[in-house]
N, C-alpha and C. Protein backbone atom coordinates (compact mmCIF):
# COMPACT_ATOMS: atom_id res chain seq x y z
N MET A 1 113.86 186.67 -9.13
CA MET A 1 112.77 185.86 -8.57
C MET A 1 111.38 187.04 -8.81
N TYR A 2 110.67 186.76 -9.75
CA TYR A 2 109.93 187.54 -10.30
C TYR A 2 108.57 187.07 -9.72
N SER A 3 107.12 188.12 -9.31
CA SER A 3 106.05 188.46 -8.95
C SER A 3 104.95 188.76 -9.67
N PHE A 4 103.95 188.32 -9.86
CA PHE A 4 103.26 188.87 -10.62
C PHE A 4 101.50 188.50 -9.84
N TYR A 5 100.77 189.88 -9.94
CA TYR A 5 99.77 189.77 -9.29
C TYR A 5 98.45 190.01 -10.36
N TYR A 6 97.15 189.35 -9.93
CA TYR A 6 96.18 189.64 -11.13
C TYR A 6 95.12 190.15 -10.08
N SER A 7 94.40 191.01 -11.16
CA SER A 7 92.51 191.51 -10.46
C SER A 7 92.15 191.79 -11.74
N ILE A 8 91.11 191.35 -11.59
CA ILE A 8 89.54 191.69 -12.50
C ILE A 8 88.57 192.03 -11.98
N LYS A 9 88.47 193.60 -12.89
CA LYS A 9 87.14 194.25 -12.60
C LYS A 9 85.84 193.90 -13.21
N LYS A 10 84.84 193.54 -12.56
CA LYS A 10 83.76 193.34 -13.65
C LYS A 10 82.71 194.18 -13.57
N LYS A 11 81.49 193.71 -13.68
CA LYS A 11 80.60 194.92 -14.20
C LYS A 11 79.87 195.16 -12.34
N TYR A 12 79.64 196.12 -12.56
CA TYR A 12 79.03 196.89 -11.06
C TYR A 12 77.87 197.74 -11.92
N ILE A 13 76.42 197.43 -10.41
CA ILE A 13 75.54 198.05 -10.94
C ILE A 13 75.23 199.15 -10.14
N ILE A 14 74.92 200.39 -10.52
CA ILE A 14 74.80 201.59 -9.74
C ILE A 14 73.09 202.19 -9.85
N LEU A 15 72.66 202.63 -8.60
CA LEU A 15 71.67 203.06 -8.63
C LEU A 15 71.56 204.72 -8.65
N LEU A 16 70.95 205.14 -9.37
CA LEU A 16 70.82 206.62 -9.37
C LEU A 16 69.61 207.41 -10.08
N ASP A 17 68.76 208.38 -9.30
CA ASP A 17 67.36 208.69 -9.32
C ASP A 17 66.75 207.43 -9.73
N LYS A 18 66.66 206.64 -8.52
CA LYS A 18 65.59 205.14 -9.03
C LYS A 18 65.79 204.46 -10.20
N LYS A 19 66.74 204.74 -11.14
CA LYS A 19 67.27 203.65 -11.87
C LYS A 19 68.32 203.24 -12.12
N MET A 20 68.34 201.95 -12.73
CA MET A 20 69.69 201.24 -12.48
C MET A 20 70.41 201.19 -13.86
N TYR A 21 71.79 201.29 -13.54
CA TYR A 21 72.70 201.48 -14.90
C TYR A 21 73.61 200.31 -15.13
N GLU A 22 74.60 199.94 -15.70
CA GLU A 22 75.25 199.01 -15.65
C GLU A 22 76.56 199.66 -16.18
N LEU A 23 77.55 199.62 -15.21
CA LEU A 23 78.61 199.87 -15.70
C LEU A 23 79.58 198.62 -16.33
N ASN A 24 79.79 198.41 -17.35
CA ASN A 24 80.13 197.30 -17.81
C ASN A 24 81.76 197.73 -18.11
N ASN A 25 82.71 197.40 -17.20
CA ASN A 25 84.27 198.27 -17.59
C ASN A 25 85.04 196.73 -16.90
N LYS A 26 85.17 196.37 -17.90
CA LYS A 26 85.98 194.80 -17.91
C LYS A 26 87.79 195.43 -17.86
N CYS A 27 88.39 195.18 -16.74
CA CYS A 27 89.61 195.56 -17.07
C CYS A 27 90.27 194.66 -16.02
N VAL A 28 91.40 194.11 -17.30
CA VAL A 28 92.62 193.00 -16.01
C VAL A 28 93.87 194.01 -16.02
N TYR A 29 94.57 193.96 -14.32
CA TYR A 29 95.60 194.40 -13.97
C TYR A 29 96.94 193.24 -13.49
N LYS A 30 97.69 193.59 -14.21
CA LYS A 30 99.08 192.67 -14.14
C LYS A 30 99.86 193.42 -13.66
N SER A 31 100.35 193.03 -12.43
CA SER A 31 101.99 193.61 -11.59
C SER A 31 102.82 193.03 -11.87
N VAL A 32 103.86 193.68 -12.61
CA VAL A 32 105.29 192.66 -12.65
C VAL A 32 106.02 193.51 -11.98
N TRP A 33 106.70 192.89 -11.00
CA TRP A 33 108.03 193.21 -9.83
C TRP A 33 109.32 193.09 -10.58
N LEU A 34 109.94 194.19 -10.53
CA LEU A 34 111.41 193.80 -11.27
C LEU A 34 112.69 194.21 -10.42
N TYR A 35 113.60 193.42 -9.82
CA TYR A 35 114.39 193.96 -9.24
C TYR A 35 116.14 193.82 -10.19
N SER A 36 116.66 194.58 -10.06
CA SER A 36 118.11 194.98 -10.90
C SER A 36 118.88 193.65 -11.10
N GLU A 37 119.07 193.32 -9.43
CA GLU A 37 119.69 192.29 -9.96
C GLU A 37 119.46 190.91 -10.43
N ASN A 38 118.28 190.73 -10.69
CA ASN A 38 118.12 189.49 -11.32
C ASN A 38 117.96 189.45 -12.94
N ALA A 39 118.63 190.80 -13.05
CA ALA A 39 118.78 190.99 -14.71
C ALA A 39 120.00 190.98 -15.01
N THR A 40 120.39 190.69 -16.59
CA THR A 40 121.67 190.77 -17.15
C THR A 40 122.13 192.11 -17.44
N ALA A 41 123.17 192.81 -16.50
CA ALA A 41 123.33 193.81 -16.97
C ALA A 41 124.46 194.49 -17.70
N SER A 42 124.56 195.51 -18.48
CA SER A 42 125.64 195.81 -19.63
C SER A 42 127.02 196.17 -18.65
N ASN A 43 127.89 196.68 -19.47
CA ASN A 43 128.49 197.88 -18.50
C ASN A 43 128.09 199.20 -18.83
N GLY A 44 128.71 199.59 -17.13
CA GLY A 44 127.63 200.81 -17.01
C GLY A 44 126.45 200.73 -16.43
N ARG A 45 125.76 199.33 -16.34
CA ARG A 45 124.81 199.39 -15.85
C ARG A 45 123.41 200.30 -16.16
N LYS A 46 123.41 200.54 -17.79
CA LYS A 46 122.60 201.13 -18.13
C LYS A 46 121.17 200.30 -18.87
N ILE A 47 121.66 199.06 -19.41
CA ILE A 47 120.77 198.31 -19.57
C ILE A 47 120.44 196.93 -19.13
N PHE A 48 119.15 196.47 -18.59
CA PHE A 48 119.26 195.47 -17.81
C PHE A 48 118.15 194.77 -18.51
N THR A 49 118.78 193.53 -18.96
CA THR A 49 117.62 192.60 -19.98
C THR A 49 117.14 191.18 -18.96
N PHE A 50 115.96 191.60 -18.88
CA PHE A 50 115.61 190.64 -18.27
C PHE A 50 114.90 189.44 -18.84
N ASN A 51 115.49 188.26 -19.06
CA ASN A 51 115.51 187.01 -19.57
C ASN A 51 114.67 186.05 -18.80
N ASN A 52 114.08 185.33 -19.79
CA ASN A 52 113.06 183.71 -18.96
C ASN A 52 111.77 184.25 -18.00
N LEU A 53 111.33 185.58 -17.91
CA LEU A 53 110.32 185.75 -17.45
C LEU A 53 109.09 184.66 -17.42
N PRO A 54 108.40 184.81 -16.51
CA PRO A 54 106.96 183.95 -16.60
C PRO A 54 106.45 184.83 -17.41
N LEU A 55 105.56 183.66 -18.40
CA LEU A 55 104.70 184.26 -19.56
C LEU A 55 103.89 185.25 -19.21
N LEU A 56 103.91 186.35 -19.89
CA LEU A 56 103.00 187.57 -19.61
C LEU A 56 102.26 187.81 -20.79
N GLN A 57 100.89 187.27 -21.22
CA GLN A 57 99.95 187.22 -22.26
C GLN A 57 99.17 188.28 -21.80
N VAL A 58 99.33 189.42 -22.82
CA VAL A 58 98.86 190.68 -23.36
C VAL A 58 97.36 190.56 -24.64
N LYS A 59 96.57 190.73 -23.85
CA LYS A 59 95.18 190.24 -24.77
C LYS A 59 94.16 191.05 -25.10
N GLY A 60 94.04 192.08 -24.33
CA GLY A 60 93.11 193.44 -24.32
C GLY A 60 92.94 193.81 -25.90
N ASP A 61 92.02 194.41 -25.95
CA ASP A 61 91.22 195.19 -26.85
C ASP A 61 92.24 196.57 -26.83
N LYS A 62 92.60 197.26 -25.37
CA LYS A 62 93.26 198.06 -25.49
C LYS A 62 94.18 197.66 -24.04
N ASN A 63 95.54 198.20 -24.37
CA ASN A 63 96.33 197.31 -23.39
C ASN A 63 97.37 198.94 -23.11
N TYR A 64 97.56 198.87 -22.32
CA TYR A 64 98.88 199.91 -21.03
C TYR A 64 99.78 199.40 -20.25
N ILE A 65 101.07 200.16 -20.65
CA ILE A 65 101.70 199.61 -19.09
C ILE A 65 102.12 200.93 -18.95
N ARG A 66 102.80 200.96 -17.73
CA ARG A 66 103.05 202.08 -16.69
C ARG A 66 103.86 201.62 -15.47
N VAL A 67 104.77 202.33 -15.12
CA VAL A 67 105.53 202.45 -13.84
C VAL A 67 104.83 202.52 -12.80
N ALA A 68 104.21 202.01 -11.54
CA ALA A 68 103.42 202.12 -10.35
C ALA A 68 104.75 202.64 -9.09
N SER A 69 105.45 202.26 -9.14
CA SER A 69 106.73 202.25 -8.24
C SER A 69 107.73 202.11 -8.57
N ILE A 70 108.86 202.47 -8.12
CA ILE A 70 110.12 202.69 -8.04
C ILE A 70 110.84 203.03 -6.76
N ALA A 71 111.99 202.08 -6.64
CA ALA A 71 112.73 202.17 -5.20
C ALA A 71 113.92 202.25 -5.36
N MET A 72 114.87 202.42 -5.29
CA MET A 72 116.42 202.17 -5.15
C MET A 72 117.25 202.30 -3.96
N LYS A 73 118.37 201.57 -3.91
CA LYS A 73 119.09 201.46 -2.64
C LYS A 73 120.86 201.58 -3.21
N SER A 74 121.41 202.18 -2.36
CA SER A 74 122.83 201.97 -2.41
C SER A 74 123.33 202.56 -1.13
N SER A 75 124.90 202.17 -1.11
CA SER A 75 125.28 202.34 0.29
C SER A 75 125.46 203.70 0.76
N ASN A 76 125.51 204.58 -0.65
CA ASN A 76 125.03 205.97 -0.12
C ASN A 76 124.13 206.86 -0.86
N SER A 77 123.25 207.43 -0.68
CA SER A 77 121.94 207.71 -0.89
C SER A 77 121.99 209.10 -1.93
N SER A 78 123.27 209.43 -1.70
CA SER A 78 123.27 210.73 -2.66
C SER A 78 123.70 210.03 -4.11
N ASP A 79 124.29 208.90 -4.04
CA ASP A 79 124.46 208.54 -5.61
C ASP A 79 123.44 208.19 -6.84
N TYR A 80 122.07 208.15 -5.97
CA TYR A 80 120.82 208.15 -6.68
C TYR A 80 119.63 209.20 -6.55
N THR A 81 119.98 209.83 -5.54
CA THR A 81 119.16 211.17 -5.02
C THR A 81 119.54 212.47 -6.35
N GLY A 82 119.05 213.32 -6.65
CA GLY A 82 119.09 214.31 -6.96
C GLY A 82 119.05 214.34 -8.25
N HIS A 83 118.55 213.30 -8.87
CA HIS A 83 119.00 213.35 -10.36
C HIS A 83 117.37 212.81 -11.10
N VAL A 84 117.80 213.41 -12.28
CA VAL A 84 116.25 212.94 -12.75
C VAL A 84 116.37 211.46 -13.62
N TRP A 85 116.06 211.02 -13.36
CA TRP A 85 116.04 209.29 -13.77
C TRP A 85 115.25 208.66 -15.29
N THR A 86 115.46 208.37 -16.14
CA THR A 86 114.55 208.18 -17.05
C THR A 86 114.95 206.46 -17.24
N ILE A 87 113.84 206.26 -17.60
CA ILE A 87 113.71 204.52 -18.11
C ILE A 87 112.85 204.26 -19.28
N LYS A 88 113.82 203.48 -20.15
CA LYS A 88 113.13 203.24 -21.29
C LYS A 88 113.24 201.59 -21.38
N LEU A 89 111.83 201.28 -22.06
CA LEU A 89 111.26 200.07 -22.21
C LEU A 89 111.42 199.56 -23.65
N GLY A 90 112.32 198.35 -23.90
CA GLY A 90 112.49 197.48 -25.05
C GLY A 90 112.29 196.31 -25.14
N ASN A 91 112.18 195.82 -26.59
CA ASN A 91 111.64 194.74 -26.87
C ASN A 91 109.80 194.14 -26.37
N VAL A 92 109.22 195.29 -26.62
CA VAL A 92 107.70 195.00 -26.12
C VAL A 92 107.11 196.08 -27.48
N LYS A 93 106.08 195.23 -28.40
CA LYS A 93 105.57 195.63 -29.15
C LYS A 93 104.20 197.22 -28.72
N TYR A 94 104.47 198.06 -29.52
CA TYR A 94 103.87 199.52 -28.52
C TYR A 94 103.28 200.25 -29.91
N ASN A 95 102.11 200.98 -29.69
CA ASN A 95 101.37 201.55 -30.72
C ASN A 95 102.25 202.83 -31.05
N HIS A 96 102.71 202.82 -32.52
CA HIS A 96 103.77 204.09 -32.90
C HIS A 96 102.81 204.83 -33.44
N VAL A 97 101.84 204.97 -33.39
CA VAL A 97 100.93 206.22 -33.59
C VAL A 97 100.57 206.93 -32.70
N ASN A 98 100.21 205.96 -31.53
CA ASN A 98 99.72 207.58 -30.10
C ASN A 98 101.36 207.43 -29.63
N TYR A 99 102.20 207.23 -29.95
CA TYR A 99 103.74 207.28 -29.30
C TYR A 99 104.14 208.70 -29.63
N TYR A 100 104.80 209.35 -29.13
CA TYR A 100 105.52 210.42 -29.52
C TYR A 100 107.13 210.65 -28.48
N ASN A 101 107.93 210.65 -28.93
CA ASN A 101 109.19 210.25 -28.23
C ASN A 101 109.86 212.30 -28.31
N SER A 102 110.24 212.69 -28.05
CA SER A 102 110.94 214.09 -28.10
C SER A 102 112.53 213.57 -28.17
N ASP A 103 112.95 212.64 -27.71
CA ASP A 103 114.42 212.71 -27.99
C ASP A 103 114.58 212.26 -28.99
N LYS A 104 113.97 211.97 -30.03
CA LYS A 104 114.31 211.20 -31.12
C LYS A 104 114.73 209.89 -30.84
N ASN A 105 114.62 208.79 -30.11
CA ASN A 105 115.39 207.75 -29.82
C ASN A 105 113.98 206.87 -30.13
N SER A 106 114.24 205.45 -30.63
CA SER A 106 112.81 204.73 -30.88
C SER A 106 112.44 203.98 -29.64
N ILE A 107 113.09 203.83 -28.77
CA ILE A 107 112.71 203.49 -27.59
C ILE A 107 111.84 203.63 -26.43
N PRO A 108 111.01 203.68 -26.10
CA PRO A 108 109.64 204.42 -25.78
C PRO A 108 110.14 204.81 -24.21
N THR A 109 109.69 205.80 -23.71
CA THR A 109 110.15 206.20 -22.18
C THR A 109 108.93 205.64 -21.41
N ILE A 110 109.27 205.28 -20.31
CA ILE A 110 107.74 204.63 -19.63
C ILE A 110 108.00 205.32 -18.15
N PHE A 111 109.58 205.99 -17.79
CA PHE A 111 109.31 206.86 -16.82
C PHE A 111 110.29 207.91 -16.61
N SER A 112 110.19 209.03 -16.12
CA SER A 112 111.18 210.12 -15.91
C SER A 112 110.83 210.55 -14.83
N GLY A 113 111.53 210.47 -14.01
CA GLY A 113 111.08 211.17 -12.67
C GLY A 113 112.48 211.57 -11.88
N MET A 114 112.23 211.84 -10.69
CA MET A 114 113.11 212.31 -9.70
C MET A 114 112.88 211.04 -8.28
N ILE A 115 113.83 210.36 -8.02
CA ILE A 115 113.98 209.76 -6.47
C ILE A 115 114.49 210.33 -5.74
N ASP A 116 114.08 210.86 -4.52
CA ASP A 116 114.95 211.06 -3.13
C ASP A 116 114.88 209.98 -1.96
N SER A 117 115.58 209.96 -1.02
CA SER A 117 115.83 209.02 -0.22
C SER A 117 113.80 208.13 0.42
N VAL A 118 113.27 209.58 0.07
CA VAL A 118 111.78 209.00 0.58
C VAL A 118 110.60 208.57 -0.23
N ASN A 119 110.48 209.71 -1.41
CA ASN A 119 109.97 209.93 -2.08
C ASN A 119 110.10 209.74 -3.88
N MET A 120 109.29 209.46 -4.47
CA MET A 120 109.43 208.94 -6.14
C MET A 120 108.70 210.28 -6.77
N PHE A 121 109.34 211.18 -7.86
CA PHE A 121 108.44 211.82 -8.15
C PHE A 121 108.33 211.93 -9.65
N ASN A 122 107.33 211.09 -9.86
CA ASN A 122 107.17 211.12 -11.36
C ASN A 122 106.91 212.41 -12.32
N CYS A 123 107.73 212.90 -13.00
CA CYS A 123 107.34 213.81 -14.13
C CYS A 123 106.90 214.00 -14.99
N ASN A 124 106.55 213.18 -15.84
CA ASN A 124 105.84 212.72 -16.87
C ASN A 124 104.36 211.78 -16.67
N ASN A 125 104.54 211.00 -15.71
CA ASN A 125 103.29 209.93 -15.68
C ASN A 125 103.21 209.07 -16.72
N ASN A 126 104.05 208.86 -17.58
CA ASN A 126 104.18 208.02 -18.95
C ASN A 126 103.19 206.81 -18.89
N VAL A 127 102.46 206.61 -19.85
CA VAL A 127 101.61 205.21 -20.15
C VAL A 127 101.61 205.27 -21.44
N LEU A 128 102.52 204.16 -21.84
CA LEU A 128 102.80 203.25 -22.97
C LEU A 128 101.53 202.38 -23.32
N GLU A 129 100.89 202.70 -24.68
CA GLU A 129 99.83 201.66 -25.33
C GLU A 129 100.75 200.70 -26.08
N ILE A 130 100.31 199.43 -25.25
CA ILE A 130 101.42 198.16 -25.99
C ILE A 130 100.46 197.35 -26.43
N GLU A 131 100.33 196.33 -27.60
CA GLU A 131 100.07 195.59 -28.66
C GLU A 131 99.55 194.69 -27.64
N ASN A 132 98.74 193.38 -28.07
CA ASN A 132 98.47 192.15 -27.86
C ASN A 132 99.44 191.43 -28.41
N GLN A 133 100.19 190.48 -27.20
CA GLN A 133 101.59 190.18 -27.53
C GLN A 133 102.11 188.99 -26.18
N GLU A 134 102.95 188.28 -26.43
CA GLU A 134 103.24 187.25 -25.41
C GLU A 134 104.94 187.81 -25.19
N ILE A 135 104.65 187.98 -23.88
CA ILE A 135 106.10 188.34 -23.68
C ILE A 135 106.85 187.94 -22.34
N ASN A 136 108.21 187.63 -22.65
CA ASN A 136 108.98 186.66 -21.84
C ASN A 136 110.57 187.18 -21.54
N GLN A 137 110.91 188.29 -22.32
CA GLN A 137 112.23 189.06 -22.24
C GLN A 137 111.89 190.22 -22.78
N PHE A 138 112.49 191.29 -21.77
CA PHE A 138 112.24 192.22 -22.44
C PHE A 138 113.82 193.29 -21.40
N TYR A 139 113.91 194.53 -22.06
CA TYR A 139 114.99 195.23 -21.44
C TYR A 139 114.62 196.53 -21.02
N LEU A 140 115.20 197.15 -19.93
CA LEU A 140 115.16 198.28 -19.39
C LEU A 140 116.44 199.25 -19.80
N ASN A 141 116.14 200.33 -20.40
CA ASN A 141 117.68 201.29 -20.54
C ASN A 141 117.46 202.24 -19.25
N VAL A 142 118.30 202.38 -18.36
CA VAL A 142 118.09 203.19 -17.30
C VAL A 142 119.25 204.32 -16.90
N PHE A 143 119.07 205.36 -17.23
CA PHE A 143 120.35 206.17 -17.07
C PHE A 143 119.43 207.56 -16.48
N THR A 144 120.63 208.54 -16.27
CA THR A 144 119.93 210.04 -15.45
C THR A 144 120.39 210.80 -16.57
N ASP A 145 120.02 212.22 -15.81
CA ASP A 145 120.49 213.41 -16.62
C ASP A 145 121.73 213.94 -16.87
N ASP A 146 122.46 212.86 -15.97
CA ASP A 146 123.72 213.32 -16.16
C ASP A 146 125.00 212.19 -16.82
N GLY A 147 123.98 211.08 -17.12
CA GLY A 147 124.51 210.20 -17.91
C GLY A 147 125.27 208.50 -17.80
N HIS A 148 124.99 208.70 -16.52
CA HIS A 148 125.58 207.33 -15.41
C HIS A 148 124.49 206.23 -15.60
N GLY A 149 124.39 205.17 -15.16
CA GLY A 149 123.64 204.58 -15.21
C GLY A 149 123.21 203.83 -13.88
N LEU A 150 122.66 202.69 -13.36
CA LEU A 150 122.81 202.12 -12.09
C LEU A 150 124.13 202.09 -11.59
N THR A 151 125.13 202.51 -11.62
CA THR A 151 126.37 202.78 -10.83
C THR A 151 126.58 204.11 -10.57
N LYS A 152 127.57 204.77 -9.75
CA LYS A 152 128.00 206.07 -9.29
C LYS A 152 129.03 205.80 -8.27
N ASN A 153 129.94 206.42 -8.94
CA ASN A 153 131.20 206.46 -7.69
C ASN A 153 131.76 204.98 -7.28
N SER A 154 131.40 204.11 -8.25
CA SER A 154 132.28 203.03 -8.46
C SER A 154 131.05 201.80 -7.48
N GLN A 155 129.95 202.36 -6.99
CA GLN A 155 129.05 201.78 -6.20
C GLN A 155 127.74 201.76 -6.84
N ASP A 156 127.55 200.10 -7.26
CA ASP A 156 126.08 199.99 -7.60
C ASP A 156 125.07 200.64 -7.53
N ILE A 157 123.74 200.84 -7.65
CA ILE A 157 123.00 201.24 -6.99
C ILE A 157 121.87 200.04 -7.69
N LYS A 158 120.98 199.59 -6.94
CA LYS A 158 120.00 198.63 -6.92
C LYS A 158 118.54 199.28 -7.38
N MET A 159 117.53 198.63 -7.81
CA MET A 159 116.51 199.42 -8.11
C MET A 159 115.58 198.25 -8.18
N TYR A 160 114.44 198.67 -7.49
CA TYR A 160 112.95 197.87 -7.69
C TYR A 160 111.96 198.44 -8.23
N LEU A 161 111.27 197.74 -9.14
CA LEU A 161 110.44 198.39 -9.67
C LEU A 161 109.07 197.83 -10.29
N ASN A 162 108.38 198.08 -10.07
CA ASN A 162 106.58 197.68 -10.41
C ASN A 162 105.88 198.36 -11.67
N LEU A 163 105.96 197.24 -12.35
CA LEU A 163 105.17 197.89 -13.66
C LEU A 163 103.90 197.12 -13.44
N ILE A 164 102.82 198.19 -14.19
CA ILE A 164 101.19 197.71 -14.01
C ILE A 164 100.90 197.39 -15.46
N ILE A 165 100.44 196.10 -16.03
CA ILE A 165 99.79 196.32 -17.49
C ILE A 165 98.52 196.49 -17.37
N GLU A 166 97.63 197.18 -17.83
CA GLU A 166 96.30 196.90 -18.11
C GLU A 166 95.69 196.74 -19.34
N GLU A 167 94.97 195.65 -19.13
CA GLU A 167 94.41 195.37 -20.57
C GLU A 167 92.55 195.44 -20.07
N HIS A 168 92.11 196.29 -21.48
CA HIS A 168 90.79 196.82 -21.10
C HIS A 168 90.17 195.99 -22.36
N TYR A 169 88.75 195.66 -21.65
CA TYR A 169 87.95 194.67 -22.86
C TYR A 169 86.76 195.56 -23.14
N ASP A 170 85.95 195.32 -24.00
CA ASP A 170 84.68 196.28 -24.36
C ASP A 170 83.55 195.12 -24.14
């Protein structure tokens, strides 16, 4: 099951030094909640393909996608704590000119951080500029600094991920 939330920021009027100013900042936010168990997982649980998503239309003048939150769950919390996790987003059109990936892999990184039993520490705060498109399928490549995916010691690790899509209009 997938859930989506939309919000729109419209015009704001501010009063400064007895003068009125209009802030015309129209931005649409779309929140996509993903659960690893709803995806088709590869062997080793590193690649998760989310098929048949409800249609996500990205139509802004400038569009960005980022990870807002992430949580993991396993029978033993030491399976996912103490690692630097990397999540890459595939099958999404993005702005190649504004993207640099130091690992020389063409799949853009949208998250690199540590997760412990209480907090998430996002090391890079990655934001990816994406192009106008209609999305109903994409995949996530999830792995740690020591190379394992969402499985360790024969235990599956479950991941909950919240992606935010920002559509900015001029």
